[in-house]
Amino acid sequence: MLTLHHDITSPAAAVAVLRLQAMVDAGASVRFSPLDVLGLEIDVPPTRRLLEELSAYAERAGELGLAMRRPSRQPPTLRAHVVGEVAEAAGLGASWRWTCLRAYWGKDRDLLDEATLVELAVAAGLEAAPVRQALGDRLRVHSLRDRMLQQRRRGLGGVPVLEFDGTFVPADLADEDLRRLVGL
């Protein structure tokens, strides 16, 4: 199975998510694996890398339906990815990813703020109570952080990265090559 390692605040990863989600919608099997690339507990100003990626990927994101503007901050996304686990379990992973991408890139919403995450989760179709419970579960949050650290130990640093049969592959493959990888 093809796995996409991604983060919400990476323009390149946002494009990869949108490209692969379209293939999933057409019947492909892809696993979306989150990775908080910032790894901090606080917002920071947008990094140079984020701004360079924004310049390089904004047009392609727009072609895929996602308007991108310069964000005021780069938040850690660990807690957003915790909500993503709740969404995946409820069959709403795609809705959650799309909601987060639009909120961050189009509306500059703060993905570190718990009230914002709950509001976005409800907009994506989730019930608020399980989301609040997941966000308040310190063991769950730490478990996801540990899994992300394990991914880093395997060699993942930045995103997006595709993984196919244990091999890391660049995510900017041509659509035809991606379709071959996912069996379309």
C-alpha atoms as a PDB file:
ATOM      1  CA  MET A   1       0.000   0.000   0.000  1.00  0.00           C
ATOM      2  CA  LEU A   2       1.113   3.534  -0.706  1.00  0.00           C
ATOM      3  CA  THR A   3       1.507   5.818   2.333  1.00  0.00           C
ATOM      4  CA  LEU A   4       1.705   9.585   2.185  1.00  0.00           C
ATOM      5  CA  HIS A   5       3.538  11.206   5.084  1.00  0.00           C
ATOM      6  CA  HIS A   6       2.186  14.749   5.309  1.00  0.00           C
ATOM      7  CA  ASP A   7       1.600  17.825   7.437  1.00  0.00           C
ATOM      8  CA  ILE A   8      -1.051  20.523   7.187  1.00  0.00           C
ATOM      9  CA  THR A   9       1.395  23.434   7.216  1.00  0.00           C
ATOM     10  CA  SER A  10       3.484  22.216   4.274  1.00  0.00           C
ATOM     11  CA  PRO A  11       2.290  23.584   0.916  1.00  0.00           C
ATOM     12  CA  ALA A  12       3.974  20.707  -0.919  1.00  0.00           C
ATOM     13  CA  ALA A  13       2.257  18.201   1.372  1.00  0.00           C
ATOM     14  CA  ALA A  14      -1.094  19.936   0.892  1.00  0.00           C
ATOM     15  CA  VAL A  15      -0.757  19.494  -2.864  1.00  0.00           C
ATOM     16  CA  ALA A  16       0.227  15.846  -2.393  1.00  0.00           C
ATOM     17  CA  VAL A  17      -2.774  15.254  -0.107  1.00  0.00           C
ATOM     18  CA  LEU A  18      -5.147  16.759  -2.672  1.00  0.00           C
ATOM     19  CA  ARG A  19      -3.645  14.817  -5.574  1.00  0.00           C
ATOM     20  CA  LEU A  20      -3.776  11.512  -3.732  1.00  0.00           C
ATOM     21  CA  GLN A  21      -7.221  12.118  -2.248  1.00  0.00           C
ATOM     22  CA  ALA A  22      -8.541  12.494  -5.796  1.00  0.00           C
ATOM     23  CA  MET A  23      -7.074   9.069  -6.564  1.00  0.00           C
ATOM     24  CA  VAL A  24      -8.578   7.600  -3.395  1.00  0.00           C
ATOM     25  CA  ASP A  25     -11.928   9.013  -4.487  1.00  0.00           C
ATOM     26  CA  ALA A  26     -11.401   7.140  -7.776  1.00  0.00           C
ATOM     27  CA  GLY A  27     -10.845   3.843  -5.934  1.00  0.00           C
ATOM     28  CA  ALA A  28      -7.144   3.835  -5.019  1.00  0.00           C
ATOM     29  CA  SER A  29      -5.926   2.707  -1.626  1.00  0.00           C
ATOM     30  CA  VAL A  30      -3.663   5.233   0.089  1.00  0.00           C
ATOM     31  CA  ARG A  31      -2.812   5.622   3.755  1.00  0.00           C
ATOM     32  CA  PHE A  32      -2.354   9.172   5.033  1.00  0.00           C
ATOM     33  CA  SER A  33       0.266   9.320   7.784  1.00  0.00           C
ATOM     34  CA  PRO A  34       0.618  12.628   9.651  1.00  0.00           C
ATOM     35  CA  LEU A  35       3.928  14.097  10.740  1.00  0.00           C
ATOM     36  CA  ASP A  36       4.191  17.301  12.757  1.00  0.00           C
ATOM     37  CA  VAL A  37       7.233  18.801  11.050  1.00  0.00           C
ATOM     38  CA  LEU A  38       7.564  21.676  13.516  1.00  0.00           C
ATOM     39  CA  GLY A  39       7.653  19.524  16.649  1.00  0.00           C
ATOM     40  CA  LEU A  40       7.281  22.441  19.047  1.00  0.00           C
ATOM     41  CA  GLU A  41       4.599  23.395  21.552  1.00  0.00           C
ATOM     42  CA  ILE A  42       4.184  26.985  20.343  1.00  0.00           C
ATOM     43  CA  ASP A  43       3.366  28.880  17.163  1.00  0.00           C
ATOM     44  CA  VAL A  44       6.295  30.453  15.338  1.00  0.00           C
ATOM     45  CA  PRO A  45       6.391  32.935  12.465  1.00  0.00           C
ATOM     46  CA  PRO A  46       6.240  31.206   9.069  1.00  0.00           C
ATOM     47  CA  THR A  47       9.606  29.604   8.370  1.00  0.00           C
ATOM     48  CA  ARG A  48      11.635  30.368   5.278  1.00  0.00           C
ATOM     49  CA  ARG A  49      11.010  26.845   4.043  1.00  0.00           C
ATOM     50  CA  LEU A  50       7.242  27.275   4.401  1.00  0.00           C
ATOM     51  CA  LEU A  51       7.335  30.570   2.506  1.00  0.00           C
ATOM     52  CA  GLU A  52       9.507  29.115  -0.264  1.00  0.00           C
ATOM     53  CA  GLU A  53       7.127  26.166  -0.615  1.00  0.00           C
ATOM     54  CA  LEU A  54       4.159  28.515  -0.640  1.00  0.00           C
ATOM     55  CA  SER A  55       5.662  30.394  -3.553  1.00  0.00           C
ATOM     56  CA  ALA A  56       6.398  27.147  -5.392  1.00  0.00           C
ATOM     57  CA  TYR A  57       3.093  25.319  -4.728  1.00  0.00           C
ATOM     58  CA  ALA A  58       0.340  27.930  -4.350  1.00  0.00           C
ATOM     59  CA  GLU A  59      -0.599  27.896  -8.029  1.00  0.00           C
ATOM     60  CA  ARG A  60      -0.842  24.093  -8.158  1.00  0.00           C
ATOM     61  CA  ALA A  61      -2.874  24.080  -4.943  1.00  0.00           C
ATOM     62  CA  GLY A  62      -5.241  26.594  -6.524  1.00  0.00           C
ATOM     63  CA  GLU A  63      -5.659  24.326  -9.550  1.00  0.00           C
ATOM     64  CA  LEU A  64      -6.676  21.581  -7.110  1.00  0.00           C
ATOM     65  CA  GLY A  65      -9.221  23.846  -5.403  1.00  0.00           C
ATOM     66  CA  LEU A  66      -7.217  25.118  -2.428  1.00  0.00           C
ATOM     67  CA  ALA A  67      -6.534  28.840  -2.273  1.00  0.00           C
ATOM     68  CA  MET A  68      -3.341  29.487  -0.341  1.00  0.00           C
ATOM     69  CA  ARG A  69      -2.335  32.752   1.230  1.00  0.00           C
ATOM     70  CA  ARG A  70       0.591  33.616   3.462  1.00  0.00           C
ATOM     71  CA  PRO A  71      -0.203  32.467   7.011  1.00  0.00           C
ATOM     72  CA  SER A  72       0.535  34.657  10.010  1.00  0.00           C
ATOM     73  CA  ARG A  73       1.998  31.751  11.959  1.00  0.00           C
ATOM     74  CA  GLN A  74       3.251  28.197  11.672  1.00  0.00           C
ATOM     75  CA  PRO A  75       1.637  26.189  14.439  1.00  0.00           C
ATOM     76  CA  PRO A  76       2.619  22.782  15.695  1.00  0.00           C
ATOM     77  CA  THR A  77       0.112  20.318  14.278  1.00  0.00           C
ATOM     78  CA  LEU A  78       0.362  17.390  16.688  1.00  0.00           C
ATOM     79  CA  ARG A  79      -3.034  18.143  18.251  1.00  0.00           C
ATOM     80  CA  ALA A  80      -4.651  18.610  14.836  1.00  0.00           C
ATOM     81  CA  HIS A  81      -3.321  15.188  13.903  1.00  0.00           C
ATOM     82  CA  VAL A  82      -4.822  13.743  17.106  1.00  0.00           C
ATOM     83  CA  VAL A  83      -8.186  14.990  15.836  1.00  0.00           C
ATOM     84  CA  GLY A  84      -7.261  13.445  12.498  1.00  0.00           C
ATOM     85  CA  GLU A  85      -7.050  10.042  14.179  1.00  0.00           C
ATOM     86  CA  VAL A  86     -10.575  10.526  15.536  1.00  0.00           C
ATOM     87  CA  ALA A  87     -11.707  11.524  12.049  1.00  0.00           C
ATOM     88  CA  GLU A  88     -10.057   8.494  10.422  1.00  0.00           C
ATOM     89  CA  ALA A  89     -11.738   6.162  12.914  1.00  0.00           C
ATOM     90  CA  ALA A  90     -15.091   7.767  12.059  1.00  0.00           C
ATOM     91  CA  GLY A  91     -14.515   7.469   8.304  1.00  0.00           C
ATOM     92  CA  LEU A  92     -14.076  11.244   8.000  1.00  0.00           C
ATOM     93  CA  GLY A  93     -10.333  11.504   7.432  1.00  0.00           C
ATOM     94  CA  ALA A  94     -10.680  13.124   4.006  1.00  0.00           C
ATOM     95  CA  SER A  95     -13.196  15.631   5.316  1.00  0.00           C
ATOM     96  CA  TRP A  96     -10.912  16.508   8.223  1.00  0.00           C
ATOM     97  CA  ARG A  97      -7.841  16.968   6.011  1.00  0.00           C
ATOM     98  CA  TRP A  98      -9.779  19.203   3.592  1.00  0.00           C
ATOM     99  CA  THR A  99     -11.305  21.231   6.437  1.00  0.00           C
ATOM    100  CA  CYS A 100      -7.891  21.791   8.044  1.00  0.00           C
ATOM    101  CA  LEU A 101      -6.208  22.725   4.793  1.00  0.00           C
ATOM    102  CA  ARG A 102      -8.890  25.290   3.969  1.00  0.00           C
ATOM    103  CA  ALA A 103      -8.891  26.660   7.516  1.00  0.00           C
ATOM    104  CA  TYR A 104      -5.133  27.087   7.718  1.00  0.00           C
ATOM    105  CA  TRP A 105      -4.293  28.147   4.176  1.00  0.00           C
ATOM    106  CA  GLY A 106      -7.445  30.071   3.321  1.00  0.00           C
ATOM    107  CA  LYS A 107      -8.515  31.560   6.652  1.00  0.00           C
ATOM    108  CA  ASP A 108      -5.308  31.596   8.715  1.00  0.00           C
ATOM    109  CA  ARG A 109      -6.961  29.642  11.541  1.00  0.00           C
ATOM    110  CA  ASP A 110      -4.796  28.688  14.501  1.00  0.00           C
ATOM    111  CA  LEU A 111      -4.439  24.903  14.519  1.00  0.00           C
ATOM    112  CA  LEU A 112      -2.905  24.990  17.987  1.00  0.00           C
ATOM    113  CA  ASP A 113      -6.056  26.408  19.587  1.00  0.00           C
ATOM    114  CA  GLU A 114      -8.285  23.673  21.048  1.00  0.00           C
ATOM    115  CA  ALA A 115     -11.559  25.567  20.527  1.00  0.00           C
ATOM    116  CA  THR A 116     -10.630  26.073  16.874  1.00  0.00           C
ATOM    117  CA  LEU A 117      -9.815  22.377  16.469  1.00  0.00           C
ATOM    118  CA  VAL A 118     -13.175  21.368  17.969  1.00  0.00           C
ATOM    119  CA  GLU A 119     -15.010  23.859  15.747  1.00  0.00           C
ATOM    120  CA  LEU A 120     -13.217  22.550  12.657  1.00  0.00           C
ATOM    121  CA  ALA A 121     -13.888  18.952  13.672  1.00  0.00           C
ATOM    122  CA  VAL A 122     -17.616  19.664  13.914  1.00  0.00           C
ATOM    123  CA  ALA A 123     -17.460  21.363  10.499  1.00  0.00           C
ATOM    124  CA  ALA A 124     -15.814  18.188   9.155  1.00  0.00           C
ATOM    125  CA  GLY A 125     -18.701  16.082  10.470  1.00  0.00           C
ATOM    126  CA  LEU A 126     -17.381  14.899  13.836  1.00  0.00           C
ATOM    127  CA  GLU A 127     -19.103  15.117  17.190  1.00  0.00           C
ATOM    128  CA  ALA A 128     -17.468  17.604  19.571  1.00  0.00           C
ATOM    129  CA  ALA A 129     -17.353  15.360  22.672  1.00  0.00           C
ATOM    130  CA  PRO A 130     -15.024  12.629  21.298  1.00  0.00           C
ATOM    131  CA  VAL A 131     -12.753  15.312  19.870  1.00  0.00           C
ATOM    132  CA  ARG A 132     -12.491  17.110  23.209  1.00  0.00           C
ATOM    133  CA  GLN A 133     -11.872  13.770  24.908  1.00  0.00           C
ATOM    134  CA  ALA A 134      -9.067  12.886  22.479  1.00  0.00           C
ATOM    135  CA  LEU A 135      -7.442  16.305  22.840  1.00  0.00           C
ATOM    136  CA  GLY A 136      -7.575  15.990  26.640  1.00  0.00           C
ATOM    137  CA  ASP A 137      -6.107  12.490  26.637  1.00  0.00           C
ATOM    138  CA  ARG A 138      -2.437  13.095  27.432  1.00  0.00           C
ATOM    139  CA  LEU A 139      -1.516   9.468  26.785  1.00  0.00           C
ATOM    140  CA  ARG A 140      -3.060   9.603  23.327  1.00  0.00           C
ATOM    141  CA  VAL A 141      -1.250  12.837  22.486  1.00  0.00           C
ATOM    142  CA  HIS A 142       2.072  11.461  23.755  1.00  0.00           C
ATOM    143  CA  SER A 143       1.531   8.181  21.911  1.00  0.00           C
ATOM    144  CA  LEU A 144       1.083  10.005  18.605  1.00  0.00           C
ATOM    145  CA  ARG A 145       4.165  12.131  19.325  1.00  0.00           C
ATOM    146  CA  ASP A 146       6.140   8.944  20.016  1.00  0.00           C
ATOM    147  CA  ARG A 147       4.976   7.419  16.724  1.00  0.00           C
ATOM    148  CA  MET A 148       6.080  10.571  14.918  1.00  0.00           C
ATOM    149  CA  LEU A 149       9.476  10.392  16.616  1.00  0.00           C
ATOM    150  CA  GLN A 150       9.791   6.788  15.444  1.00  0.00           C
ATOM    151  CA  GLN A 151       9.069   7.957  11.899  1.00  0.00           C
ATOM    152  CA  ARG A 152      11.853  10.525  12.225  1.00  0.00           C
ATOM    153  CA  ARG A 153      14.217   7.780  13.404  1.00  0.00           C
ATOM    154  CA  ARG A 154      13.338   5.870  10.231  1.00  0.00           C
ATOM    155  CA  GLY A 155      14.578   8.835   8.195  1.00  0.00           C
ATOM    156  CA  LEU A 156      11.517  11.027   7.720  1.00  0.00           C
ATOM    157  CA  GLY A 157      12.369  14.657   8.261  1.00  0.00           C
ATOM    158  CA  GLY A 158      10.344  16.773   5.929  1.00  0.00           C
ATOM    159  CA  VAL A 159       7.120  16.173   4.103  1.00  0.00           C
ATOM    160  CA  PRO A 160       5.619  15.177   1.783  1.00  0.00           C
ATOM    161  CA  VAL A 161       7.146  11.763   1.388  1.00  0.00           C
ATOM    162  CA  LEU A 162       5.573   8.701  -0.170  1.00  0.00           C
ATOM    163  CA  GLU A 163       6.349   5.277   1.166  1.00  0.00           C
ATOM    164  CA  PHE A 164       5.851   2.257  -1.025  1.00  0.00           C
ATOM    165  CA  ASP A 165       6.761  -1.205   0.259  1.00  0.00           C
ATOM    166  CA  GLY A 166       9.079   0.338   2.860  1.00  0.00           C
ATOM    167  CA  THR A 167      10.872   2.571   0.360  1.00  0.00           C
ATOM    168  CA  PHE A 168      10.664   6.355   0.535  1.00  0.00           C
ATOM    169  CA  VAL A 169       9.748   8.009  -2.752  1.00  0.00           C
ATOM    170  CA  PRO A 170       9.448  11.722  -3.565  1.00  0.00           C
ATOM    171  CA  ALA A 171       5.829  12.877  -3.548  1.00  0.00           C
ATOM    172  CA  ASP A 172       6.176  15.117  -6.585  1.00  0.00           C
ATOM    173  CA  LEU A 173       5.898  12.216  -9.024  1.00  0.00           C
ATOM    174  CA  ALA A 174       3.940  12.738 -12.218  1.00  0.00           C
ATOM    175  CA  ASP A 175       0.243  11.869 -11.996  1.00  0.00           C
ATOM    176  CA  GLU A 176       0.769   8.877 -14.302  1.00  0.00           C
ATOM    177  CA  ASP A 177       3.462   7.465 -12.004  1.00  0.00           C
ATOM    178  CA  LEU A 178       1.272   8.032  -8.945  1.00  0.00           C
ATOM    179  CA  ARG A 179      -1.624   6.231 -10.609  1.00  0.00           C
ATOM    180  CA  ARG A 180       0.654   3.285 -11.329  1.00  0.00           C
ATOM    181  CA  LEU A 181       1.779   3.169  -7.688  1.00  0.00           C
ATOM    182  CA  VAL A 182      -1.803   3.144  -6.424  1.00  0.00           C
ATOM    183  CA  GLY A 183      -2.996   0.685  -9.049  1.00  0.00           C
ATOM    184  CA  LEU A 184      -5.271   2.930 -11.137  1.00  0.00           C
END
